[in-house]
Amino acid sequence: MCKLKNLIKSIIASELIRKNELGRLVCRKIVGNTMMFINHDLTEHQQRILVSFVSPLHTNFNRDALYHPLYAQVNQILKCLIELNFSIDICDCNDLFAYKELAGEEYDYVIGFGKVYKEVLLRKKAKESILFVTENLPEVVERKYKERISYFKERHPNLPIVNVPRNDCFDMEQFILSDMAIVMNSDYNIQSMRKYIQEIYPINVNCLYNSAYTFDISHIKNSKRNFLWFGSQGTLHKGLDILIDAFKQLPEYTLNIYGVPENEKRYIKPLLSKNTILHERVNVFSQDFIDKVVKQNVFVLSASCSEGMMSGIATCMIHGLIPIVTKETGYNSCSCIFEFDGYKVEDIINKVNEISNLSVNELNLLSCECQKYAKQLFTNISFKKNIQEIFNKVLV
C-alpha cells in the first residue's frame, strides 16, 4: 500500500496531472491529504483538535485558478487554532485514507463535516464536536430538491434531466451526533436545525474579490436589463432551469449564465432562448470577470431551493451587483437584497417586472449599498474576526 501511495503521489506531481483538474481530484481522493501535529509543541501539553474539512494542500496546484471560498475558510480556521495553541490534525472530510492514518488518535475537539467527522464521533474519539455547516439541513435539502425535480419534469416532460446529488458531505446523523454547530446560513434556514442542535453559531460566507476592480456604476444605465446567474455545480438545485424558463417570457431582458459544469450543460442547452446566454466559466480574479460579468450586468439571481449562503451571491455583491434571491438561498433579509415571493416561473417574472420599474438613480444607490454591505460582512477579514469570536466562546 505504501509503494502504491508513493507511486500515485509521483503521478500527481507530474505536469500532465497538474494541468488536468479531474485527474488531480481523482488522485487526491485516492492518496488523501491528512496532515498531523500541525503546531505541535513537545515541551508543553496542548489540546488536540481534528479539522475534517478540505485540505489546504489542494491550493498547491495552479495558484491562479478560481478557488472555492472553502479554501480561504480552512486557512483562517487553521490560523485561529494555531493562535489558540492547539495541536492540529487536518484531513479531507471524505478522505479514504484518513480513517487508517488517524486510527488510535483521540481529540479534545473535532470540527468540520463529512464521513471522517462522523466516524470520529461514532468511535467516540472526541470529547466535543463542532459541526461546520455550509448547507441546509439534509432532510430539508432532500425534500426541496425532489420538489424541483418534479417541477422540472412537469414543465419539460420529454427532456432528460441530470439529477446531481447535492453532495456527500452532510447527513442527518452528523446533526444528531454533534454537540454544537457553526452554521453558514440565514436565520430562516437555521430554524430547522435547532430541533437537533441547540448551540448554534451563525457565520457569514466569505466572498472572492478581484483586487483589480474599482467600484463603478457608470454601466448601470445601459445594463439595467441584464441579469446574471453566477453559479456552479447543482444548477437544478440552484434553480437555473426555472430562471431560463422565466426569461423566455421576458424577451426584453437578458440572462447571462456563468459557471455551468460540462456535465450539466446537456439539459440546460435545450432550455435556452435568444435572451438566455450560456457563457464559458470565468475566473473571478481575471480582467474578463470585471469587463464581461460585472460591467455588463446589474442584477445577480438565485432561485435555489436550499443553500448554505451561496458564495457566488456574496462575490457579485462586493463587486456592486444587486441580488434577487429565494429565501432558501441563505441570506438574511436586508434593504439591498431582494427576494422572490416563491420559486415558480411566475414568481420570477413578477419580481423581474417589479424591479424593472426602479430608476437608474435608485439602482445606483442600491449598487453602492450592496458593495458596502458585502465589505462589512463577506470579506476574509470579517470571516476571520467572526471565527475567532466563536472559537473564543466554544474552545475552552
Protein backbone atom coordinates (compact mmCIF):
# COMPACT_ATOMS: atom_id res chain seq x y z
CA MET A 1 0.00 0.00 0.00
CA CYS A 2 2.84 2.38 0.85
CA LYS A 3 4.51 1.80 -2.53
CA LEU A 4 1.21 2.34 -4.32
CA LYS A 5 0.61 5.55 -2.39
CA ASN A 6 4.07 6.87 -3.24
CA LEU A 7 3.56 5.96 -6.88
CA ILE A 8 0.29 7.88 -7.05
CA LYS A 9 1.92 10.85 -5.33
CA SER A 10 4.58 10.90 -8.04
CA ILE A 11 1.83 10.81 -10.68
CA ILE A 12 0.09 13.75 -9.00
CA ALA A 13 3.31 15.76 -9.20
CA SER A 14 3.59 15.19 -12.96
CA GLU A 15 2.95 18.03 -15.37
CA LEU A 16 0.18 16.07 -17.09
CA ILE A 17 -1.88 15.68 -13.91
CA ARG A 18 -1.22 19.23 -12.69
CA LYS A 19 -2.94 20.50 -15.83
CA ASN A 20 -5.88 18.11 -15.54
CA GLU A 21 -8.44 19.06 -12.89
CA LEU A 22 -10.28 15.73 -12.91
CA GLY A 23 -7.03 13.79 -12.71
CA ARG A 24 -5.91 15.82 -9.71
CA LEU A 25 -9.18 15.26 -7.88
CA VAL A 26 -9.20 11.51 -8.52
CA CYS A 27 -5.60 11.08 -7.38
CA ARG A 28 -6.11 13.25 -4.31
CA LYS A 29 -9.18 11.21 -3.38
CA ILE A 30 -7.10 8.02 -3.52
CA VAL A 31 -4.00 9.30 -1.76
CA GLY A 32 -5.57 11.60 0.77
CA ASN A 33 -4.27 14.79 2.32
CA THR A 34 -4.05 14.03 6.03
CA MET A 35 -1.62 16.22 7.96
CA MET A 36 -0.92 15.61 11.63
CA PHE A 37 0.57 17.51 14.55
CA ILE A 38 0.45 20.96 12.97
CA ASN A 39 1.67 23.49 15.57
CA HIS A 40 2.57 20.67 17.96
CA ASP A 41 4.87 21.65 20.86
CA LEU A 42 6.78 18.83 22.54
CA THR A 43 7.60 20.99 25.56
CA GLU A 44 4.03 21.53 26.80
CA HIS A 45 0.61 19.95 26.97
CA GLN A 46 -1.73 21.15 24.24
CA GLN A 47 -5.33 20.45 23.46
CA ARG A 48 -5.74 18.30 20.35
CA ILE A 49 -8.20 19.09 17.57
CA LEU A 50 -9.11 17.38 14.32
CA VAL A 51 -10.26 19.52 11.40
CA SER A 52 -12.31 17.45 8.94
CA PHE A 53 -12.72 19.91 6.10
CA VAL A 54 -10.98 20.44 2.77
CA SER A 55 -7.23 20.13 2.74
CA PRO A 56 -5.16 23.27 2.08
CA LEU A 57 -2.83 21.05 0.04
CA HIS A 58 -5.24 21.43 -2.86
CA THR A 59 -4.07 25.02 -3.26
CA ASN A 60 -0.57 23.85 -4.24
CA PHE A 61 -1.91 23.39 -7.75
CA ASN A 62 -2.31 26.29 -10.17
CA ARG A 63 -2.40 29.21 -7.75
CA ASP A 64 -4.04 31.43 -10.37
CA ALA A 65 -7.10 29.15 -10.52
CA LEU A 66 -10.52 30.15 -9.22
CA TYR A 67 -10.65 28.66 -5.74
CA HIS A 68 -13.78 27.98 -3.78
CA PRO A 69 -14.16 30.13 -0.62
CA LEU A 70 -13.83 26.90 1.42
CA TYR A 71 -10.07 27.07 0.92
CA ALA A 72 -9.94 30.53 2.46
CA GLN A 73 -12.15 29.32 5.30
CA VAL A 74 -9.88 26.42 6.23
CA ASN A 75 -6.87 28.72 6.01
CA GLN A 76 -8.37 31.08 8.58
CA ILE A 77 -9.61 28.24 10.78
CA LEU A 78 -6.10 26.83 10.97
CA LYS A 79 -4.63 30.28 11.64
CA CYS A 80 -7.01 30.85 14.56
CA LEU A 81 -6.40 27.39 16.02
CA ILE A 82 -2.66 27.96 15.89
CA GLU A 83 -3.10 31.27 17.69
CA LEU A 84 -5.07 29.37 20.35
CA ASN A 85 -2.12 26.96 20.64
CA PHE A 86 -3.88 23.78 19.54
CA SER A 87 -2.09 20.74 18.21
CA ILE A 88 -3.94 20.20 14.95
CA ASP A 89 -4.66 17.31 12.62
CA ILE A 90 -6.44 18.02 9.35
CA CYS A 91 -7.86 15.81 6.63
CA ASP A 92 -10.24 15.99 3.71
CA CYS A 93 -13.74 15.42 5.02
CA ASN A 94 -14.28 12.25 2.97
CA ASP A 95 -10.64 11.14 2.72
CA LEU A 96 -10.47 7.39 2.09
CA PHE A 97 -7.10 7.13 3.88
CA ALA A 98 -7.90 9.28 6.90
CA TYR A 99 -9.59 6.53 8.92
CA LYS A 100 -6.42 4.46 8.87
CA GLU A 101 -3.98 7.34 9.37
CA LEU A 102 -5.91 8.72 12.34
CA ALA A 103 -6.56 5.33 13.97
CA GLY A 104 -5.87 5.46 17.69
CA GLU A 105 -5.87 9.27 17.86
CA GLU A 106 -8.10 10.94 20.44
CA TYR A 107 -9.10 14.58 20.44
CA ASP A 108 -10.40 17.27 22.73
CA TYR A 109 -12.38 18.62 19.78
CA VAL A 110 -13.33 17.69 16.25
CA ILE A 111 -14.60 20.40 13.89
CA GLY A 112 -15.88 20.09 10.36
CA PHE A 113 -18.16 17.71 8.47
CA GLY A 114 -18.19 14.63 6.30
CA LYS A 115 -17.51 10.93 6.67
CA VAL A 116 -14.34 11.37 8.73
CA TYR A 117 -16.09 13.75 11.12
CA LYS A 118 -18.95 11.29 11.62
CA GLU A 119 -16.63 8.31 12.05
CA VAL A 120 -14.70 10.10 14.81
CA LEU A 121 -17.98 10.76 16.64
CA LEU A 122 -19.24 7.20 16.18
CA ARG A 123 -15.97 5.88 17.59
CA LYS A 124 -16.19 8.39 20.45
CA LYS A 125 -12.71 9.70 19.73
CA ALA A 126 -13.51 13.36 20.53
CA LYS A 127 -14.75 14.94 23.75
CA GLU A 128 -16.56 17.80 21.99
CA SER A 129 -17.81 18.12 18.40
CA ILE A 130 -18.46 21.20 16.30
CA LEU A 131 -20.29 20.66 13.02
CA PHE A 132 -19.33 23.28 10.44
CA VAL A 133 -22.43 23.59 8.26
CA THR A 134 -22.27 25.04 4.75
CA GLU A 135 -25.62 23.59 3.61
CA ASN A 136 -29.19 23.47 4.78
CA LEU A 137 -30.46 20.62 6.94
CA PRO A 138 -30.09 17.42 4.82
CA GLU A 139 -33.73 16.36 5.22
CA VAL A 140 -34.82 19.82 4.07
CA VAL A 141 -32.41 19.71 1.13
CA GLU A 142 -33.74 16.32 0.05
CA ARG A 143 -37.38 17.35 0.28
CA LYS A 144 -36.97 20.62 -1.57
CA TYR A 145 -34.72 19.10 -4.22
CA LYS A 146 -37.38 16.49 -5.00
CA GLU A 147 -39.86 19.35 -5.45
CA ARG A 148 -37.55 20.95 -8.01
CA ILE A 149 -37.09 17.71 -9.94
CA SER A 150 -40.88 17.26 -10.09
CA TYR A 151 -41.33 20.88 -11.20
CA PHE A 152 -38.77 20.42 -13.98
CA LYS A 153 -40.50 17.25 -15.22
CA GLU A 154 -43.86 19.00 -15.05
CA ARG A 155 -42.60 21.74 -17.37
CA HIS A 156 -40.37 19.59 -19.58
CA PRO A 157 -41.69 16.01 -19.55
CA ASN A 158 -39.73 15.00 -22.66
CA LEU A 159 -36.35 16.42 -21.73
CA PRO A 160 -33.60 14.44 -19.95
CA ILE A 161 -32.55 15.60 -16.53
CA VAL A 162 -29.21 15.42 -14.76
CA ASN A 163 -30.09 14.56 -11.18
CA VAL A 164 -26.90 15.76 -9.48
CA PRO A 165 -26.72 14.78 -5.78
CA ARG A 166 -26.21 17.84 -3.59
CA ASN A 167 -23.07 16.37 -2.04
CA ASP A 168 -21.92 13.55 0.20
CA CYS A 169 -20.50 15.79 2.94
CA PHE A 170 -23.56 16.11 5.21
CA ASP A 171 -26.15 13.68 6.53
CA MET A 172 -28.70 13.78 9.32
CA GLU A 173 -26.59 11.58 11.60
CA GLN A 174 -23.96 14.30 11.83
CA PHE A 175 -26.58 16.75 13.13
CA ILE A 176 -27.86 14.23 15.65
CA LEU A 177 -24.37 13.36 16.94
CA SER A 178 -22.91 16.89 17.16
CA ASP A 179 -22.66 18.95 20.34
CA MET A 180 -22.75 22.33 18.62
CA ALA A 181 -22.61 23.87 15.16
CA ILE A 182 -21.13 26.80 13.29
CA VAL A 183 -23.64 27.46 10.53
CA MET A 184 -23.04 29.46 7.37
CA ASN A 185 -26.63 30.29 6.62
CA SER A 186 -29.55 32.65 7.22
CA ASP A 187 -31.68 32.73 10.34
CA TYR A 188 -34.56 31.44 8.21
CA ASN A 189 -32.68 28.28 7.16
CA ILE A 190 -31.13 27.75 10.59
CA GLN A 191 -34.50 27.36 12.31
CA SER A 192 -34.99 23.77 11.12
CA MET A 193 -31.59 22.81 12.56
CA ARG A 194 -32.43 23.83 16.11
CA LYS A 195 -34.51 20.68 16.53
CA TYR A 196 -31.24 18.73 16.50
CA ILE A 197 -28.58 21.18 17.74
CA GLN A 198 -29.34 23.79 20.39
CA GLU A 199 -25.97 25.55 20.43
CA ILE A 200 -25.66 27.20 17.01
CA TYR A 201 -23.28 29.98 15.99
CA PRO A 202 -24.15 31.70 12.68
CA ILE A 203 -21.34 32.92 10.46
CA ASN A 204 -21.31 34.66 7.08
CA VAL A 205 -19.76 33.30 3.91
CA ASN A 206 -16.55 34.84 2.62
CA CYS A 207 -16.60 36.08 -0.97
CA LEU A 208 -13.96 36.10 -3.68
CA TYR A 209 -12.76 39.61 -4.54
CA ASN A 210 -10.86 40.85 -7.57
CA SER A 211 -8.41 43.41 -6.17
CA ALA A 212 -8.04 45.00 -9.62
CA TYR A 213 -11.68 46.07 -9.53
CA THR A 214 -12.54 49.72 -8.92
CA PHE A 215 -16.14 50.31 -7.91
CA ASP A 216 -18.04 51.83 -10.83
CA ILE A 217 -21.74 52.44 -11.51
CA SER A 218 -21.40 54.09 -14.92
CA HIS A 219 -22.57 50.95 -16.74
CA ILE A 220 -25.88 50.66 -14.88
CA LYS A 221 -27.86 52.94 -17.21
CA ASN A 222 -27.07 50.80 -20.24
CA SER A 223 -27.10 47.41 -18.48
CA LYS A 224 -30.19 47.63 -16.27
CA ARG A 225 -31.95 44.98 -18.35
CA ASN A 226 -29.11 42.50 -17.94
CA PHE A 227 -29.33 39.83 -15.24
CA LEU A 228 -26.66 37.36 -14.15
CA TRP A 229 -26.66 33.77 -12.93
CA PHE A 230 -23.26 33.08 -11.36
CA GLY A 231 -23.22 29.56 -10.08
CA SER A 232 -21.58 26.17 -10.08
CA GLN A 233 -22.47 22.50 -9.78
CA GLY A 234 -26.09 21.68 -8.99
CA THR A 235 -27.81 24.04 -11.42
CA LEU A 236 -31.17 22.30 -10.97
CA HIS A 237 -30.89 22.67 -7.21
CA LYS A 238 -29.97 26.31 -7.71
CA GLY A 239 -33.00 26.93 -9.93
CA LEU A 240 -31.26 27.86 -13.17
CA ASP A 241 -33.84 25.94 -15.23
CA ILE A 242 -36.62 28.00 -13.65
CA LEU A 243 -34.83 31.28 -14.36
CA ILE A 244 -34.30 30.29 -18.01
CA ASP A 245 -37.97 29.40 -18.44
CA ALA A 246 -38.99 32.69 -16.83
CA PHE A 247 -36.75 34.78 -19.09
CA LYS A 248 -38.24 33.11 -22.17
CA GLN A 249 -41.33 35.08 -21.24
CA LEU A 250 -39.28 38.23 -20.65
CA PRO A 251 -37.73 38.81 -24.11
CA GLU A 252 -36.85 42.42 -23.33
CA TYR A 253 -34.37 41.25 -20.67
CA THR A 254 -31.16 39.20 -20.89
CA LEU A 255 -29.99 36.43 -18.58
CA ASN A 256 -26.23 35.85 -18.75
CA ILE A 257 -25.24 32.45 -17.37
CA TYR A 258 -21.80 31.63 -15.96
CA GLY A 259 -20.45 28.61 -14.14
CA VAL A 260 -22.46 25.67 -15.51
CA PRO A 261 -20.38 22.45 -15.30
CA GLU A 262 -19.89 20.50 -18.52
CA ASN A 263 -21.94 17.52 -17.33
CA GLU A 264 -24.98 19.74 -16.67
CA LYS A 265 -24.92 21.72 -19.91
CA ARG A 266 -26.70 18.95 -21.82
CA TYR A 267 -30.01 19.57 -20.07
CA ILE A 268 -29.56 23.35 -19.84
CA LYS A 269 -28.85 23.92 -23.54
CA PRO A 270 -32.27 22.70 -24.80
CA LEU A 271 -33.92 25.25 -22.50
CA LEU A 272 -32.04 28.28 -23.83
CA SER A 273 -33.59 31.07 -25.86
CA LYS A 274 -32.11 34.11 -27.61
CA ASN A 275 -32.06 36.14 -24.40
CA THR A 276 -30.65 33.40 -22.13
CA ILE A 277 -26.95 33.13 -22.96
CA LEU A 278 -24.64 30.39 -21.73
CA HIS A 279 -21.06 31.64 -21.30
CA GLU A 280 -17.82 29.83 -20.55
CA ARG A 281 -16.64 29.75 -16.95
CA VAL A 282 -14.71 32.82 -15.87
CA ASN A 283 -12.04 33.35 -13.22
CA VAL A 284 -13.13 35.92 -10.63
CA PHE A 285 -9.55 37.19 -10.43
CA SER A 286 -9.34 37.91 -14.17
CA GLN A 287 -9.98 41.09 -16.13
CA ASP A 288 -12.67 39.20 -18.04
CA PHE A 289 -14.69 38.92 -14.85
CA ILE A 290 -14.64 42.69 -14.44
CA ASP A 291 -15.29 43.52 -18.08
CA LYS A 292 -17.74 40.78 -19.07
CA VAL A 293 -19.53 39.90 -15.84
CA VAL A 294 -19.51 42.92 -13.53
CA LYS A 295 -19.72 45.73 -16.08
CA GLN A 296 -22.33 44.08 -18.29
CA ASN A 297 -24.90 43.16 -15.63
CA VAL A 298 -26.76 44.92 -12.85
CA PHE A 299 -28.52 42.07 -11.01
CA VAL A 300 -27.43 38.62 -9.85
CA LEU A 301 -30.11 35.96 -9.41
CA SER A 302 -30.55 32.77 -7.42
CA ALA A 303 -33.66 30.62 -7.31
CA SER A 304 -32.03 27.99 -5.11
CA CYS A 305 -34.24 25.57 -3.23
CA SER A 306 -31.91 25.11 -0.26
CA GLU A 307 -28.50 26.61 0.24
CA GLY A 308 -25.82 27.44 2.75
CA MET A 309 -25.31 31.10 1.87
CA MET A 310 -24.44 30.72 -1.82
CA SER A 311 -20.97 32.24 -2.15
CA GLY A 312 -21.47 33.46 -5.72
CA ILE A 313 -24.04 35.97 -4.49
CA ALA A 314 -21.61 37.50 -1.99
CA THR A 315 -18.87 37.61 -4.63
CA CYS A 316 -21.15 39.50 -7.00
CA MET A 317 -22.41 41.85 -4.28
CA ILE A 318 -18.92 43.03 -3.34
CA HIS A 319 -18.47 43.95 -7.00
CA GLY A 320 -21.66 46.02 -6.93
CA LEU A 321 -24.27 43.66 -8.37
CA ILE A 322 -27.75 43.69 -6.82
CA PRO A 323 -29.08 40.28 -5.69
CA ILE A 324 -32.56 38.86 -6.19
CA VAL A 325 -32.80 35.52 -4.41
CA THR A 326 -35.14 32.97 -2.86
CA LYS A 327 -35.24 32.90 0.94
CA GLU A 328 -33.64 29.47 0.77
CA THR A 329 -30.50 30.86 -0.87
CA GLY A 330 -29.21 31.51 2.64
CA TYR A 331 -29.08 35.30 3.05
CA ASN A 332 -30.74 37.30 5.79
CA SER A 333 -33.22 39.89 4.59
CA CYS A 334 -31.89 43.42 4.21
CA SER A 335 -32.68 46.55 2.22
CA CYS A 336 -30.24 45.77 -0.62
CA ILE A 337 -31.22 42.09 -1.12
CA PHE A 338 -34.47 41.47 -2.99
CA GLU A 339 -36.40 38.23 -2.50
CA PHE A 340 -38.60 36.26 -4.88
CA ASP A 341 -42.01 35.50 -3.39
CA GLY A 342 -41.60 31.87 -4.41
CA TYR A 343 -39.61 29.66 -6.78
CA LYS A 344 -42.13 29.16 -9.60
CA VAL A 345 -41.70 30.71 -13.06
CA GLU A 346 -44.44 33.26 -12.41
CA ASP A 347 -42.69 34.38 -9.20
CA ILE A 348 -39.52 35.14 -11.16
CA ILE A 349 -41.43 37.03 -13.85
CA ASN A 350 -43.33 39.13 -11.34
CA LYS A 351 -40.23 40.16 -9.40
CA VAL A 352 -38.19 40.99 -12.52
CA ASN A 353 -41.01 43.17 -13.82
CA GLU A 354 -41.27 44.86 -10.43
CA ILE A 355 -37.53 45.56 -10.25
CA SER A 356 -37.53 46.95 -13.79
CA ASN A 357 -39.55 49.93 -12.56
CA LEU A 358 -36.65 51.18 -10.42
CA SER A 359 -34.93 54.29 -11.74
CA VAL A 360 -31.26 54.42 -12.67
CA ASN A 361 -30.62 56.61 -9.64
CA GLU A 362 -32.28 54.06 -7.35
CA LEU A 363 -30.18 51.28 -8.90
CA ASN A 364 -27.00 53.33 -8.46
CA LEU A 365 -27.76 53.73 -4.75
CA LEU A 366 -28.60 50.04 -4.37
CA SER A 367 -25.35 49.02 -6.06
CA CYS A 368 -23.37 51.22 -3.65
CA GLU A 369 -25.28 49.78 -0.71
CA CYS A 370 -24.61 46.21 -1.88
CA GLN A 371 -20.89 46.73 -2.08
CA LYS A 372 -20.80 48.44 1.30
CA TYR A 373 -22.87 45.65 2.86
CA ALA A 374 -20.65 42.96 1.36
CA LYS A 375 -17.46 44.69 2.50
CA GLN A 376 -18.79 44.73 6.05
CA LEU A 377 -19.95 41.10 6.17
CA PHE A 378 -18.44 38.92 3.44
CA THR A 379 -14.68 39.50 3.36
CA ASN A 380 -11.95 37.17 4.60
CA ILE A 381 -11.23 39.76 7.31
CA SER A 382 -14.82 39.57 8.51
CA PHE A 383 -14.78 35.77 8.41
CA LYS A 384 -11.58 35.62 10.45
CA LYS A 385 -12.95 38.02 13.06
CA ASN A 386 -16.17 36.02 13.39
CA ILE A 387 -14.49 32.63 13.62
CA GLN A 388 -12.10 33.99 16.25
CA GLU A 389 -15.03 35.21 18.34
CA ILE A 390 -16.78 31.85 18.05
CA PHE A 391 -13.66 29.86 18.90
CA ASN A 392 -13.06 32.04 21.96
CA LYS A 393 -16.54 31.05 23.17
CA VAL A 394 -16.58 27.33 22.39
CA LEU A 395 -12.95 26.16 22.61
CA VAL A 396 -12.33 26.33 26.35
